[in-house]
Amino acid sequence: MTDRFPLEGGCDCRRIRFRMETAPLFVHCCHCRWCQRETGSAFALNAMIETDRLTLAGDAPELVDTPSASGRGQLIARCPTCRVAVWSHYGGAGRAVAFVRVGTLDDPDALPPDIHIFTASKQPWVVLPPGSTAVPEFYDRNEHWPKASLARREALRAKLRQGEPGPR
């Protein structure tokens, strides 16, 4: 993880600009077929961060309600002009956690994946780096997340009991 925070990012037309104020909780490289279809690529690289640690520095994105493999749906935050997806909110944590598309960061090299998930369905020509953490499906958070991220998750759960945070 980098100590270069905050990190800024946005869409192609620069109408949507945002800043990740702190390091994310965890970075997933998801190789599931759903992410492949949704992105039109071999995988999706998402940095999970509490939405209240994500600051809008431009216009607000449009939230597009879409189906998901879990059946709980997801909200994809897209620029209303260029249509680039900048982050998503999944059914589990709702709007409290943003899955920032790492490729929309001005410095995407700053956030390599912490884990490769759903590798059982990865494209056969994708070769994972030696020594990378990879699992065939999903994973046990307690086994893979750093202690600091687990503590932040618990703090977020306490916050959610009092009301769901939104972007600043």
N, C-alpha and C. Protein backbone atom coordinates (compact mmCIF):
# COMPACT_ATOMS: atom_id res chain seq x y z
N MET A 1 0.86 -1.18 0.00
CA MET A 1 0.00 0.00 0.00
C MET A 1 0.90 1.24 0.00
N THR A 2 0.40 2.27 -0.60
CA THR A 2 1.17 3.50 -0.75
C THR A 2 0.91 4.47 0.39
N ASP A 3 1.86 5.35 0.62
CA ASP A 3 1.64 6.42 1.59
C ASP A 3 1.45 7.74 0.84
N ARG A 4 1.07 7.66 -0.41
CA ARG A 4 0.90 8.83 -1.27
C ARG A 4 -0.53 9.38 -1.25
N PHE A 5 -1.17 9.31 -0.14
CA PHE A 5 -2.56 9.79 -0.07
C PHE A 5 -2.59 11.23 0.35
N PRO A 6 -3.58 11.95 -0.13
CA PRO A 6 -4.71 11.49 -0.94
C PRO A 6 -4.31 11.20 -2.38
N LEU A 7 -5.13 10.35 -3.02
CA LEU A 7 -4.99 10.05 -4.45
C LEU A 7 -6.21 10.62 -5.16
N GLU A 8 -5.98 11.22 -6.30
CA GLU A 8 -7.09 11.80 -7.07
C GLU A 8 -7.38 10.98 -8.30
N GLY A 9 -8.60 11.12 -8.79
CA GLY A 9 -9.01 10.41 -9.99
C GLY A 9 -10.23 11.05 -10.60
N GLY A 10 -10.70 10.44 -11.66
CA GLY A 10 -11.89 10.95 -12.32
C GLY A 10 -12.15 10.27 -13.64
N CYS A 11 -13.11 10.81 -14.35
CA CYS A 11 -13.54 10.25 -15.62
C CYS A 11 -12.72 10.86 -16.77
N ASP A 12 -12.99 10.40 -17.98
CA ASP A 12 -12.25 10.87 -19.15
C ASP A 12 -12.46 12.35 -19.45
N CYS A 13 -13.69 12.83 -19.32
CA CYS A 13 -13.97 14.22 -19.68
C CYS A 13 -13.67 15.20 -18.54
N ARG A 14 -13.29 14.66 -17.38
CA ARG A 14 -12.91 15.42 -16.18
C ARG A 14 -14.09 16.12 -15.50
N ARG A 15 -15.30 15.78 -15.88
CA ARG A 15 -16.47 16.33 -15.19
C ARG A 15 -16.58 15.77 -13.78
N ILE A 16 -16.27 14.47 -13.64
CA ILE A 16 -16.26 13.82 -12.33
C ILE A 16 -14.82 13.76 -11.85
N ARG A 17 -14.57 14.36 -10.72
CA ARG A 17 -13.25 14.30 -10.07
C ARG A 17 -13.49 13.90 -8.62
N PHE A 18 -12.60 13.09 -8.10
CA PHE A 18 -12.73 12.65 -6.72
C PHE A 18 -11.35 12.49 -6.11
N ARG A 19 -11.35 12.34 -4.79
CA ARG A 19 -10.10 12.15 -4.05
C ARG A 19 -10.32 11.06 -3.01
N MET A 20 -9.43 10.07 -3.02
CA MET A 20 -9.39 9.07 -1.95
C MET A 20 -8.52 9.67 -0.86
N GLU A 21 -9.12 10.00 0.26
CA GLU A 21 -8.40 10.71 1.32
C GLU A 21 -7.38 9.82 2.04
N THR A 22 -7.66 8.52 2.10
CA THR A 22 -6.78 7.59 2.81
C THR A 22 -6.59 6.34 1.97
N ALA A 23 -5.74 5.47 2.45
CA ALA A 23 -5.58 4.17 1.81
C ALA A 23 -6.92 3.43 1.84
N PRO A 24 -7.16 2.59 0.85
CA PRO A 24 -8.40 1.80 0.86
C PRO A 24 -8.33 0.70 1.91
N LEU A 25 -9.46 0.09 2.16
CA LEU A 25 -9.52 -1.07 3.05
C LEU A 25 -8.77 -2.25 2.44
N PHE A 26 -8.98 -2.46 1.14
CA PHE A 26 -8.42 -3.62 0.45
C PHE A 26 -8.61 -3.42 -1.04
N VAL A 27 -7.76 -4.02 -1.86
CA VAL A 27 -7.87 -3.90 -3.31
C VAL A 27 -8.08 -5.29 -3.90
N HIS A 28 -9.22 -5.44 -4.60
CA HIS A 28 -9.58 -6.71 -5.25
C HIS A 28 -9.28 -6.64 -6.74
N CYS A 29 -8.73 -7.69 -7.27
CA CYS A 29 -8.70 -7.89 -8.71
C CYS A 29 -9.64 -9.07 -8.95
N CYS A 30 -10.83 -8.77 -9.47
CA CYS A 30 -11.87 -9.79 -9.61
C CYS A 30 -11.89 -10.32 -11.04
N HIS A 31 -11.78 -11.64 -11.14
CA HIS A 31 -11.75 -12.31 -12.43
C HIS A 31 -13.06 -13.04 -12.74
N CYS A 32 -14.13 -12.72 -12.03
CA CYS A 32 -15.40 -13.42 -12.28
C CYS A 32 -15.95 -13.03 -13.65
N ARG A 33 -16.78 -13.89 -14.20
CA ARG A 33 -17.35 -13.63 -15.53
C ARG A 33 -18.26 -12.41 -15.51
N TRP A 34 -18.90 -12.15 -14.37
CA TRP A 34 -19.77 -10.98 -14.28
C TRP A 34 -18.94 -9.70 -14.46
N CYS A 35 -17.83 -9.59 -13.76
CA CYS A 35 -16.96 -8.41 -13.90
C CYS A 35 -16.37 -8.33 -15.31
N GLN A 36 -16.04 -9.48 -15.88
CA GLN A 36 -15.52 -9.48 -17.25
C GLN A 36 -16.55 -8.88 -18.21
N ARG A 37 -17.80 -9.30 -18.08
CA ARG A 37 -18.86 -8.80 -18.95
C ARG A 37 -19.10 -7.31 -18.69
N GLU A 38 -19.20 -6.96 -17.41
CA GLU A 38 -19.52 -5.57 -17.06
C GLU A 38 -18.46 -4.58 -17.55
N THR A 39 -17.19 -4.97 -17.45
CA THR A 39 -16.11 -4.05 -17.84
C THR A 39 -15.68 -4.21 -19.28
N GLY A 40 -16.05 -5.33 -19.90
CA GLY A 40 -15.58 -5.60 -21.25
C GLY A 40 -14.10 -5.91 -21.26
N SER A 41 -13.59 -6.39 -20.14
CA SER A 41 -12.16 -6.67 -19.99
C SER A 41 -11.99 -8.02 -19.29
N ALA A 42 -10.75 -8.35 -18.96
CA ALA A 42 -10.46 -9.64 -18.34
C ALA A 42 -10.72 -9.66 -16.84
N PHE A 43 -10.81 -8.48 -16.22
CA PHE A 43 -11.02 -8.41 -14.78
C PHE A 43 -11.41 -6.99 -14.40
N ALA A 44 -11.82 -6.82 -13.15
CA ALA A 44 -12.10 -5.50 -12.57
C ALA A 44 -11.16 -5.31 -11.40
N LEU A 45 -10.53 -4.15 -11.33
CA LEU A 45 -9.62 -3.82 -10.23
C LEU A 45 -10.27 -2.72 -9.41
N ASN A 46 -10.70 -3.08 -8.19
CA ASN A 46 -11.45 -2.17 -7.33
C ASN A 46 -10.78 -1.97 -5.98
N ALA A 47 -10.69 -0.72 -5.57
CA ALA A 47 -10.17 -0.36 -4.24
C ALA A 47 -11.36 -0.04 -3.35
N MET A 48 -11.56 -0.87 -2.32
CA MET A 48 -12.68 -0.67 -1.39
C MET A 48 -12.31 0.41 -0.38
N ILE A 49 -13.17 1.42 -0.25
CA ILE A 49 -12.93 2.49 0.70
C ILE A 49 -14.27 2.97 1.25
N GLU A 50 -14.25 3.39 2.51
CA GLU A 50 -15.45 3.96 3.11
C GLU A 50 -15.83 5.20 2.30
N THR A 51 -17.11 5.32 1.97
CA THR A 51 -17.56 6.43 1.14
C THR A 51 -17.27 7.78 1.79
N ASP A 52 -17.27 7.84 3.11
CA ASP A 52 -16.98 9.13 3.75
C ASP A 52 -15.50 9.49 3.70
N ARG A 53 -14.67 8.61 3.13
CA ARG A 53 -13.25 8.91 2.90
C ARG A 53 -13.00 9.22 1.42
N LEU A 54 -14.08 9.36 0.67
CA LEU A 54 -14.04 9.67 -0.75
C LEU A 54 -14.66 11.05 -0.93
N THR A 55 -13.87 12.00 -1.39
CA THR A 55 -14.34 13.38 -1.52
C THR A 55 -14.57 13.72 -2.98
N LEU A 56 -15.75 14.23 -3.28
CA LEU A 56 -16.02 14.70 -4.64
C LEU A 56 -15.36 16.05 -4.83
N ALA A 57 -14.65 16.19 -5.94
CA ALA A 57 -13.98 17.45 -6.27
C ALA A 57 -14.51 18.00 -7.59
N GLY A 58 -15.53 17.39 -8.12
CA GLY A 58 -16.18 17.82 -9.36
C GLY A 58 -17.66 17.56 -9.21
N ASP A 59 -18.33 17.38 -10.31
CA ASP A 59 -19.76 17.07 -10.28
C ASP A 59 -20.00 15.70 -9.68
N ALA A 60 -21.20 15.49 -9.21
CA ALA A 60 -21.58 14.18 -8.68
C ALA A 60 -21.85 13.22 -9.83
N PRO A 61 -21.45 11.97 -9.68
CA PRO A 61 -21.75 10.99 -10.72
C PRO A 61 -23.22 10.60 -10.70
N GLU A 62 -23.66 10.01 -11.78
CA GLU A 62 -25.00 9.44 -11.86
C GLU A 62 -24.91 8.01 -11.35
N LEU A 63 -25.81 7.63 -10.45
CA LEU A 63 -25.84 6.26 -9.92
C LEU A 63 -26.80 5.43 -10.75
N VAL A 64 -26.26 4.40 -11.40
CA VAL A 64 -27.04 3.54 -12.27
C VAL A 64 -27.25 2.21 -11.56
N ASP A 65 -28.51 1.86 -11.32
CA ASP A 65 -28.86 0.62 -10.64
C ASP A 65 -28.78 -0.53 -11.64
N THR A 66 -27.92 -1.51 -11.36
CA THR A 66 -27.74 -2.64 -12.27
C THR A 66 -27.83 -3.95 -11.49
N PRO A 67 -28.12 -5.04 -12.20
CA PRO A 67 -28.11 -6.34 -11.53
C PRO A 67 -26.69 -6.75 -11.19
N SER A 68 -26.56 -7.74 -10.31
CA SER A 68 -25.24 -8.27 -9.95
C SER A 68 -25.35 -9.78 -9.78
N ALA A 69 -24.21 -10.43 -9.77
CA ALA A 69 -24.19 -11.89 -9.61
C ALA A 69 -24.78 -12.32 -8.27
N SER A 70 -24.67 -11.49 -7.24
CA SER A 70 -25.20 -11.83 -5.91
C SER A 70 -26.72 -11.78 -5.87
N GLY A 71 -27.33 -11.09 -6.83
CA GLY A 71 -28.77 -10.90 -6.83
C GLY A 71 -29.21 -9.68 -6.05
N ARG A 72 -28.26 -9.01 -5.35
CA ARG A 72 -28.60 -7.83 -4.55
C ARG A 72 -28.40 -6.54 -5.33
N GLY A 73 -27.86 -6.62 -6.53
CA GLY A 73 -27.67 -5.45 -7.38
C GLY A 73 -26.48 -4.62 -6.96
N GLN A 74 -26.17 -3.65 -7.79
CA GLN A 74 -25.12 -2.70 -7.48
C GLN A 74 -25.48 -1.36 -8.12
N LEU A 75 -24.98 -0.31 -7.51
CA LEU A 75 -25.11 1.03 -8.07
C LEU A 75 -23.75 1.38 -8.67
N ILE A 76 -23.73 1.65 -9.96
CA ILE A 76 -22.49 2.04 -10.62
C ILE A 76 -22.51 3.55 -10.77
N ALA A 77 -21.48 4.20 -10.22
CA ALA A 77 -21.35 5.66 -10.31
C ALA A 77 -20.66 5.98 -11.64
N ARG A 78 -21.40 6.62 -12.54
CA ARG A 78 -20.91 6.93 -13.89
C ARG A 78 -20.99 8.42 -14.16
N CYS A 79 -20.07 8.88 -14.97
CA CYS A 79 -20.14 10.26 -15.43
C CYS A 79 -21.33 10.37 -16.38
N PRO A 80 -22.21 11.37 -16.18
CA PRO A 80 -23.36 11.51 -17.07
C PRO A 80 -22.97 11.94 -18.49
N THR A 81 -21.75 12.43 -18.66
CA THR A 81 -21.31 12.89 -19.98
C THR A 81 -20.55 11.80 -20.74
N CYS A 82 -19.41 11.34 -20.20
CA CYS A 82 -18.58 10.37 -20.92
C CYS A 82 -18.91 8.93 -20.56
N ARG A 83 -19.74 8.71 -19.53
CA ARG A 83 -20.26 7.40 -19.11
C ARG A 83 -19.23 6.49 -18.45
N VAL A 84 -18.04 6.99 -18.14
CA VAL A 84 -17.03 6.17 -17.46
C VAL A 84 -17.51 5.83 -16.06
N ALA A 85 -17.35 4.55 -15.68
CA ALA A 85 -17.67 4.11 -14.32
C ALA A 85 -16.50 4.44 -13.41
N VAL A 86 -16.74 5.23 -12.35
CA VAL A 86 -15.66 5.62 -11.44
C VAL A 86 -15.66 4.80 -10.15
N TRP A 87 -16.82 4.32 -9.71
CA TRP A 87 -16.90 3.41 -8.57
C TRP A 87 -18.25 2.73 -8.57
N SER A 88 -18.40 1.75 -7.68
CA SER A 88 -19.67 1.05 -7.48
C SER A 88 -19.96 0.94 -6.00
N HIS A 89 -21.23 0.74 -5.72
CA HIS A 89 -21.71 0.39 -4.38
C HIS A 89 -22.43 -0.94 -4.52
N TYR A 90 -21.99 -1.95 -3.78
CA TYR A 90 -22.60 -3.28 -3.86
C TYR A 90 -23.61 -3.47 -2.74
N GLY A 91 -24.48 -4.45 -2.93
CA GLY A 91 -25.58 -4.72 -2.01
C GLY A 91 -25.19 -4.92 -0.56
N GLY A 92 -24.05 -5.52 -0.28
CA GLY A 92 -23.65 -5.82 1.09
C GLY A 92 -23.55 -4.60 1.98
N ALA A 93 -22.72 -3.64 1.61
CA ALA A 93 -22.50 -2.45 2.44
C ALA A 93 -23.28 -1.24 1.93
N GLY A 94 -23.96 -1.39 0.81
CA GLY A 94 -24.71 -0.27 0.27
C GLY A 94 -23.81 0.90 -0.08
N ARG A 95 -24.30 2.08 0.15
CA ARG A 95 -23.54 3.30 -0.21
C ARG A 95 -22.43 3.64 0.79
N ALA A 96 -22.30 2.86 1.83
CA ALA A 96 -21.28 3.14 2.85
C ALA A 96 -19.87 2.82 2.38
N VAL A 97 -19.75 1.92 1.39
CA VAL A 97 -18.45 1.54 0.86
C VAL A 97 -18.47 1.74 -0.65
N ALA A 98 -17.42 2.38 -1.16
CA ALA A 98 -17.26 2.57 -2.60
C ALA A 98 -16.16 1.63 -3.09
N PHE A 99 -16.41 0.99 -4.20
CA PHE A 99 -15.42 0.16 -4.87
C PHE A 99 -14.89 1.00 -6.03
N VAL A 100 -13.83 1.74 -5.75
CA VAL A 100 -13.26 2.67 -6.73
C VAL A 100 -12.55 1.89 -7.82
N ARG A 101 -12.86 2.21 -9.07
CA ARG A 101 -12.17 1.61 -10.21
C ARG A 101 -10.75 2.18 -10.23
N VAL A 102 -9.78 1.34 -9.92
CA VAL A 102 -8.39 1.79 -9.80
C VAL A 102 -7.90 2.45 -11.08
N GLY A 103 -8.38 2.00 -12.22
CA GLY A 103 -7.97 2.59 -13.49
C GLY A 103 -8.41 4.02 -13.68
N THR A 104 -9.34 4.51 -12.85
CA THR A 104 -9.77 5.92 -12.96
C THR A 104 -8.91 6.85 -12.11
N LEU A 105 -7.96 6.29 -11.34
CA LEU A 105 -7.06 7.13 -10.55
C LEU A 105 -6.02 7.77 -11.45
N ASP A 106 -5.59 8.98 -11.11
CA ASP A 106 -4.53 9.63 -11.86
C ASP A 106 -3.23 8.84 -11.76
N ASP A 107 -3.03 8.13 -10.66
CA ASP A 107 -1.86 7.29 -10.45
C ASP A 107 -2.33 5.86 -10.12
N PRO A 108 -2.83 5.12 -11.11
CA PRO A 108 -3.35 3.78 -10.82
C PRO A 108 -2.27 2.81 -10.36
N ASP A 109 -1.01 3.09 -10.66
CA ASP A 109 0.08 2.21 -10.23
C ASP A 109 0.21 2.18 -8.71
N ALA A 110 -0.37 3.17 -8.03
CA ALA A 110 -0.25 3.26 -6.57
C ALA A 110 -1.02 2.16 -5.85
N LEU A 111 -1.99 1.51 -6.52
CA LEU A 111 -2.83 0.52 -5.84
C LEU A 111 -2.87 -0.81 -6.58
N PRO A 112 -1.81 -1.58 -6.47
CA PRO A 112 -1.86 -2.93 -7.05
C PRO A 112 -2.81 -3.80 -6.23
N PRO A 113 -3.27 -4.91 -6.79
CA PRO A 113 -4.21 -5.75 -6.05
C PRO A 113 -3.59 -6.40 -4.82
N ASP A 114 -4.38 -6.44 -3.75
CA ASP A 114 -4.00 -7.19 -2.55
C ASP A 114 -4.32 -8.67 -2.73
N ILE A 115 -5.34 -8.94 -3.57
CA ILE A 115 -5.78 -10.32 -3.78
C ILE A 115 -6.44 -10.42 -5.16
N HIS A 116 -6.28 -11.57 -5.78
CA HIS A 116 -6.99 -11.91 -7.02
C HIS A 116 -8.10 -12.87 -6.61
N ILE A 117 -9.34 -12.53 -6.96
CA ILE A 117 -10.48 -13.36 -6.57
C ILE A 117 -11.17 -13.93 -7.81
N PHE A 118 -11.88 -15.02 -7.60
CA PHE A 118 -12.59 -15.73 -8.65
C PHE A 118 -11.65 -16.11 -9.80
N THR A 119 -10.47 -16.58 -9.41
CA THR A 119 -9.49 -16.98 -10.42
C THR A 119 -9.88 -18.27 -11.14
N ALA A 120 -10.84 -19.01 -10.62
CA ALA A 120 -11.32 -20.21 -11.31
C ALA A 120 -11.92 -19.85 -12.66
N SER A 121 -12.39 -18.61 -12.81
CA SER A 121 -12.98 -18.18 -14.08
C SER A 121 -12.13 -17.12 -14.79
N LYS A 122 -10.88 -16.94 -14.38
CA LYS A 122 -10.04 -15.95 -15.06
C LYS A 122 -9.76 -16.41 -16.48
N GLN A 123 -9.45 -15.47 -17.33
CA GLN A 123 -9.08 -15.80 -18.70
C GLN A 123 -7.78 -16.62 -18.67
N PRO A 124 -7.70 -17.67 -19.45
CA PRO A 124 -6.53 -18.55 -19.37
C PRO A 124 -5.21 -17.86 -19.77
N TRP A 125 -5.29 -16.79 -20.52
CA TRP A 125 -4.07 -16.08 -20.93
C TRP A 125 -3.61 -15.05 -19.92
N VAL A 126 -4.40 -14.82 -18.86
CA VAL A 126 -3.98 -13.92 -17.79
C VAL A 126 -3.04 -14.71 -16.87
N VAL A 127 -1.83 -14.23 -16.73
CA VAL A 127 -0.83 -14.89 -15.89
C VAL A 127 -0.63 -14.02 -14.65
N LEU A 128 -0.93 -14.58 -13.49
CA LEU A 128 -0.79 -13.84 -12.25
C LEU A 128 0.68 -13.79 -11.84
N PRO A 129 1.09 -12.66 -11.26
CA PRO A 129 2.49 -12.56 -10.83
C PRO A 129 2.85 -13.61 -9.79
N PRO A 130 4.06 -14.17 -9.86
CA PRO A 130 4.48 -15.13 -8.83
C PRO A 130 4.39 -14.50 -7.44
N GLY A 131 3.89 -15.28 -6.49
CA GLY A 131 3.79 -14.81 -5.12
C GLY A 131 2.53 -13.99 -4.83
N SER A 132 1.71 -13.71 -5.85
CA SER A 132 0.50 -12.93 -5.58
C SER A 132 -0.52 -13.81 -4.84
N THR A 133 -1.35 -13.16 -4.03
CA THR A 133 -2.39 -13.87 -3.30
C THR A 133 -3.57 -14.06 -4.25
N ALA A 134 -4.00 -15.29 -4.41
CA ALA A 134 -5.08 -15.60 -5.34
C ALA A 134 -5.93 -16.72 -4.77
N VAL A 135 -7.25 -16.60 -4.99
CA VAL A 135 -8.19 -17.63 -4.53
C VAL A 135 -9.14 -17.96 -5.68
N PRO A 136 -9.61 -19.23 -5.72
CA PRO A 136 -10.47 -19.63 -6.83
C PRO A 136 -11.84 -18.96 -6.82
N GLU A 137 -12.37 -18.64 -5.67
CA GLU A 137 -13.68 -17.98 -5.56
C GLU A 137 -13.50 -16.72 -4.72
N PHE A 138 -14.25 -16.63 -3.59
CA PHE A 138 -14.09 -15.50 -2.68
C PHE A 138 -13.17 -15.93 -1.55
N TYR A 139 -13.06 -15.15 -0.49
CA TYR A 139 -12.08 -15.40 0.56
C TYR A 139 -12.64 -15.03 1.92
N ASP A 140 -11.91 -15.44 2.94
CA ASP A 140 -12.25 -15.10 4.32
C ASP A 140 -11.55 -13.78 4.65
N ARG A 141 -12.33 -12.74 4.87
CA ARG A 141 -11.81 -11.41 5.18
C ARG A 141 -10.84 -11.43 6.36
N ASN A 142 -11.19 -12.18 7.41
CA ASN A 142 -10.35 -12.24 8.60
C ASN A 142 -8.97 -12.85 8.33
N GLU A 143 -8.90 -13.67 7.31
CA GLU A 143 -7.65 -14.31 6.95
C GLU A 143 -6.75 -13.42 6.09
N HIS A 144 -7.35 -12.52 5.30
CA HIS A 144 -6.58 -11.78 4.31
C HIS A 144 -6.45 -10.27 4.56
N TRP A 145 -7.42 -9.68 5.21
CA TRP A 145 -7.35 -8.22 5.41
C TRP A 145 -6.35 -7.88 6.51
N PRO A 146 -5.66 -6.74 6.38
CA PRO A 146 -4.81 -6.26 7.47
C PRO A 146 -5.67 -5.92 8.69
N LYS A 147 -5.06 -6.02 9.88
CA LYS A 147 -5.79 -5.72 11.12
C LYS A 147 -6.37 -4.31 11.11
N ALA A 148 -5.64 -3.35 10.56
CA ALA A 148 -6.13 -1.96 10.53
C ALA A 148 -7.40 -1.86 9.69
N SER A 149 -7.47 -2.59 8.59
CA SER A 149 -8.68 -2.57 7.75
C SER A 149 -9.85 -3.24 8.45
N LEU A 150 -9.58 -4.33 9.17
CA LEU A 150 -10.65 -4.98 9.93
C LEU A 150 -11.19 -4.04 11.00
N ALA A 151 -10.31 -3.28 11.64
CA ALA A 151 -10.75 -2.31 12.65
C ALA A 151 -11.59 -1.20 12.01
N ARG A 152 -11.18 -0.73 10.84
CA ARG A 152 -11.97 0.28 10.12
C ARG A 152 -13.34 -0.27 9.74
N ARG A 153 -13.39 -1.53 9.36
CA ARG A 153 -14.67 -2.16 9.03
C ARG A 153 -15.60 -2.18 10.24
N GLU A 154 -15.05 -2.53 11.39
CA GLU A 154 -15.87 -2.54 12.60
C GLU A 154 -16.38 -1.14 12.94
N ALA A 155 -15.53 -0.14 12.77
CA ALA A 155 -15.95 1.25 13.01
C ALA A 155 -17.05 1.65 12.04
N LEU A 156 -16.94 1.22 10.80
CA LEU A 156 -17.96 1.51 9.80
C LEU A 156 -19.28 0.84 10.16
N ARG A 157 -19.22 -0.39 10.61
CA ARG A 157 -20.44 -1.09 11.01
C ARG A 157 -21.14 -0.36 12.15
N ALA A 158 -20.36 0.17 13.08
CA ALA A 158 -20.95 0.94 14.18
C ALA A 158 -21.60 2.21 13.65
N LYS A 159 -20.95 2.86 12.71
CA LYS A 159 -21.50 4.07 12.08
C LYS A 159 -22.80 3.77 11.35
N LEU A 160 -22.85 2.63 10.68
CA LEU A 160 -24.04 2.26 9.92
C LEU A 160 -25.25 2.06 10.83
N ARG A 161 -24.99 1.63 12.04
CA ARG A 161 -26.10 1.47 12.98
C ARG A 161 -26.72 2.82 13.34
N GLN A 162 -25.95 3.90 13.14
CA GLN A 162 -26.44 5.24 13.45
C GLN A 162 -26.94 5.98 12.22
N GLY A 163 -26.71 5.46 11.03
CA GLY A 163 -27.11 6.09 9.77
C GLY A 163 -26.00 5.96 8.75
N GLU A 164 -26.38 5.76 7.52
CA GLU A 164 -25.41 5.48 6.46
C GLU A 164 -24.71 6.75 5.97
N PRO A 165 -23.37 6.73 5.91
CA PRO A 165 -22.64 7.91 5.43
C PRO A 165 -22.74 8.03 3.92
N GLY A 166 -22.56 9.24 3.42
CA GLY A 166 -22.54 9.49 1.98
C GLY A 166 -21.27 10.23 1.61
N PRO A 167 -21.08 10.47 0.33
CA PRO A 167 -19.85 11.17 -0.09
C PRO A 167 -19.82 12.60 0.39
N ARG A 168 -18.60 13.08 0.63
CA ARG A 168 -18.45 14.46 1.09
C ARG A 168 -18.46 15.41 -0.10
